[in-house]
Protein backbone atom coordinates (compact mmCIF):
# COMPACT_ATOMS: atom_id res chain seq x y z
CA UNK A 1 213.01 -10.31 173.34
CA UNK A 2 213.63 -6.61 173.69
CA UNK A 3 211.45 -3.93 175.14
CA UNK A 4 210.77 -0.53 173.59
CA UNK A 5 212.05 1.31 176.66
CA UNK A 6 215.52 -0.24 176.19
CA UNK A 7 215.81 1.00 172.58
CA UNK A 8 217.76 4.25 172.31
CA UNK A 9 215.60 7.33 171.73
CA UNK A 10 216.71 7.87 168.14
CA UNK A 11 215.68 4.34 167.16
CA UNK A 12 212.34 4.87 168.87
CA UNK A 13 211.81 8.02 166.78
CA UNK A 14 212.68 6.10 163.60
CA UNK A 15 210.39 3.19 164.49
CA UNK A 16 207.53 5.52 165.40
CA UNK A 17 207.96 7.47 162.15
CA UNK A 18 207.79 4.22 160.16
CA UNK A 19 204.73 3.02 162.08
CA UNK A 20 202.98 6.37 161.61
CA UNK A 21 203.98 6.47 157.93
CA UNK A 22 205.63 9.88 158.26
CA UNK A 23 209.29 10.46 157.53
CA UNK A 24 211.31 12.42 160.04
CA UNK A 25 212.19 15.85 158.64
CA UNK A 26 214.38 18.82 159.51
CA UNK A 27 212.45 22.06 158.92
CA UNK A 28 213.16 25.78 158.70
CA UNK A 29 210.64 28.61 158.62
CA UNK A 30 211.39 32.00 157.09
CA UNK A 31 208.92 34.89 157.43
CA UNK A 32 208.59 37.53 154.69
CA UNK A 33 206.88 40.70 155.92
CA UNK A 34 205.75 43.49 153.59
CA UNK A 35 204.52 46.72 155.26
CA UNK A 36 203.34 49.81 153.42
CA UNK A 37 202.06 53.22 154.57
CA UNK A 38 201.31 54.75 151.17
CA UNK A 39 200.33 53.61 147.69
CA UNK A 40 201.26 52.62 145.10
CA UNK A 41 203.48 50.07 146.85
CA UNK A 42 205.56 47.29 145.36
CA UNK A 43 208.37 45.35 146.94
CA UNK A 44 209.85 41.91 146.36
CA UNK A 45 212.25 39.51 148.05
CA UNK A 46 214.39 36.82 146.42
CA UNK A 47 215.16 33.55 148.18
CA UNK A 48 216.50 30.09 147.34
CA UNK A 49 215.20 26.64 148.15
CA UNK A 50 218.12 24.20 148.29
CA UNK A 51 218.61 21.08 146.19
CA UNK A 52 217.49 18.71 148.97
CA UNK A 53 214.62 20.85 150.26
CA UNK A 54 210.89 20.90 149.60
CA UNK A 55 209.08 24.14 150.41
CA UNK A 56 205.62 25.55 150.96
CA UNK A 57 204.44 29.15 151.09
CA UNK A 58 201.61 30.13 153.41
CA UNK A 59 199.87 33.29 154.55
CA UNK A 60 201.13 34.33 157.99
CA UNK A 61 198.83 37.38 158.33
CA UNK A 62 197.17 40.25 156.50
CA UNK A 63 196.66 43.11 158.93
CA UNK A 64 195.89 46.79 159.18
CA UNK A 65 193.22 46.52 156.51
CA UNK A 66 189.43 46.75 156.36
CA UNK A 67 187.09 43.73 156.18
CA UNK A 68 186.63 43.84 152.37
CA UNK A 69 190.11 44.77 151.17
CA UNK A 70 192.59 42.79 149.10
CA UNK A 71 196.18 43.04 147.84
CA UNK A 72 198.04 41.35 145.01
CA UNK A 73 201.11 39.19 145.35
CA UNK A 74 203.46 37.70 142.81
CA UNK A 75 205.45 34.51 143.07
CA UNK A 76 208.04 33.41 140.52
CA UNK A 77 210.36 30.42 140.21
CA UNK A 78 213.23 31.96 138.26
CA UNK A 79 211.40 33.73 135.45
CA UNK A 80 208.36 31.40 135.53
CA UNK A 81 205.32 33.15 137.02
CA UNK A 82 203.43 30.90 139.45
CA UNK A 83 200.76 33.51 140.25
CA UNK A 84 198.32 33.80 137.36
CA UNK A 85 194.85 34.08 138.93
CA UNK A 86 194.15 37.68 137.88
CA UNK A 87 195.46 40.57 135.81
CA UNK A 88 195.08 42.95 138.78
CA UNK A 89 198.83 43.61 138.77
CA UNK A 90 198.97 44.73 135.14
CA UNK A 91 199.25 48.35 136.33
CA UNK A 92 202.57 47.60 137.97
CA UNK A 93 205.92 47.78 136.28
CA UNK A 94 208.97 45.55 136.27
CA UNK A 95 208.70 42.08 137.75
CA UNK A 96 205.19 42.88 139.01
CA UNK A 97 203.65 43.42 135.58
CA UNK A 98 201.38 40.54 134.65
CA UNK A 99 199.40 37.96 136.52
CA UNK A 100 199.20 37.91 140.28
CA UNK A 101 197.13 36.27 142.96
CA UNK A 102 194.94 38.12 145.45
CA UNK A 103 195.02 37.89 149.22
CA UNK A 104 191.75 39.08 150.75
CA UNK A 105 191.27 40.31 154.28
CA UNK A 106 189.03 37.26 154.79
CA UNK A 107 191.77 34.76 153.77
CA UNK A 108 192.52 32.75 156.94
CA UNK A 109 195.99 33.02 158.47
CA UNK A 110 197.93 29.82 157.82
CA UNK A 111 196.38 29.22 154.39
CA UNK A 112 198.88 27.29 152.26
CA UNK A 113 199.26 29.19 148.99
CA UNK A 114 201.86 26.99 147.25
CA UNK A 115 203.28 23.60 148.26
CA UNK A 116 205.72 21.08 146.85
CA UNK A 117 208.18 23.80 145.88
CA UNK A 118 211.43 22.27 144.63
CA UNK A 119 214.94 23.62 144.39
CA UNK A 120 215.27 27.01 142.77
CA UNK A 121 215.49 30.76 143.14
CA UNK A 122 212.12 32.33 143.89
CA UNK A 123 210.79 35.89 143.94
CA UNK A 124 207.93 36.84 146.26
CA UNK A 125 206.45 40.30 146.04
CA UNK A 126 203.46 42.42 147.04
CA UNK A 127 201.76 45.04 144.90
CA UNK A 128 199.14 47.47 146.16
CA UNK A 129 197.89 50.21 143.87
CA UNK A 130 195.24 52.03 145.91
CA UNK A 131 193.25 50.31 148.67
CA UNK A 132 194.28 49.53 151.36
CA UNK A 133 196.54 52.57 151.50
CA UNK A 134 198.45 50.99 154.37
CA UNK A 135 198.83 47.50 155.77
CA UNK A 136 201.04 44.50 156.40
CA UNK A 137 201.08 41.28 154.44
CA UNK A 138 203.23 38.49 155.89
CA UNK A 139 204.10 35.10 154.44
CA UNK A 140 205.88 32.03 155.83
CA UNK A 141 208.21 29.87 153.79
CA UNK A 142 208.53 26.41 155.31
CA UNK A 143 211.36 24.34 153.87
CA UNK A 144 211.95 20.74 154.91
CA UNK A 145 214.78 18.38 154.20
CA UNK A 146 213.31 14.89 153.97
CA UNK A 147 215.44 12.28 155.66
CA UNK A 148 215.81 8.79 154.19
CA UNK A 149 212.66 7.02 153.13
CA UNK A 150 210.64 5.04 155.64
CA UNK A 151 212.02 1.73 154.33
CA UNK A 152 215.57 2.78 155.11
CA UNK A 153 214.45 3.98 158.52
CA UNK A 154 212.86 0.62 159.22
CA UNK A 155 216.02 -1.24 158.17
CA UNK A 156 218.11 0.99 160.41
CA UNK A 157 215.78 0.46 163.34
CA UNK A 158 215.76 -3.32 162.88
CA UNK A 159 219.56 -3.38 162.54
CA UNK A 160 219.92 -1.27 165.69
CA UNK A 161 217.54 -3.51 167.61
CA UNK A 162 219.44 -6.62 166.46
CA UNK A 163 222.74 -5.05 167.55
CA UNK A 164 221.31 -4.25 170.97
CA UNK A 165 219.99 -7.77 171.34
CA UNK A 166 223.36 -9.28 170.36
CA UNK A 167 225.16 -6.94 172.75
CA UNK A 168 222.79 -7.90 175.57
CA UNK A 169 223.36 -11.63 174.96
CA UNK A 170 227.15 -11.13 174.98
CA UNK A 171 226.99 -9.45 178.41
């Protein structure tokens, strides 16, 4: 019989991830910060989520604004608009014209706005037409690269444990 403390750390991580039902993932976080000091303000950033990545967009913070203020943001996957909650951005031109979603000063930091984002080129932008006349709106893009499925992890862990056991018997 083998004991957990004799299993190499990487196998322990794999076994624990299988037991917990969560796959091990490599993650990156990219902040997008939009700051304005006058209105009207519109700015956008383009980024890519890779073929093997899954992303989520969350609110990092909305600061420098009063307790009842709100700003619009747009989010597109290629030319497909993902933000369609309101027509508040119809006064904007270019990529901002059309539907947008609203971030309010009461929206909690860390709120996940979009999840399950697949591979593609995305555009994230902020539009403010009058109030607040200055502020900062920051978003986080979290992209993870899922490692092999839990079943493969379990097979690898069992194979590694068997190899250790065989090696121990040979010694």
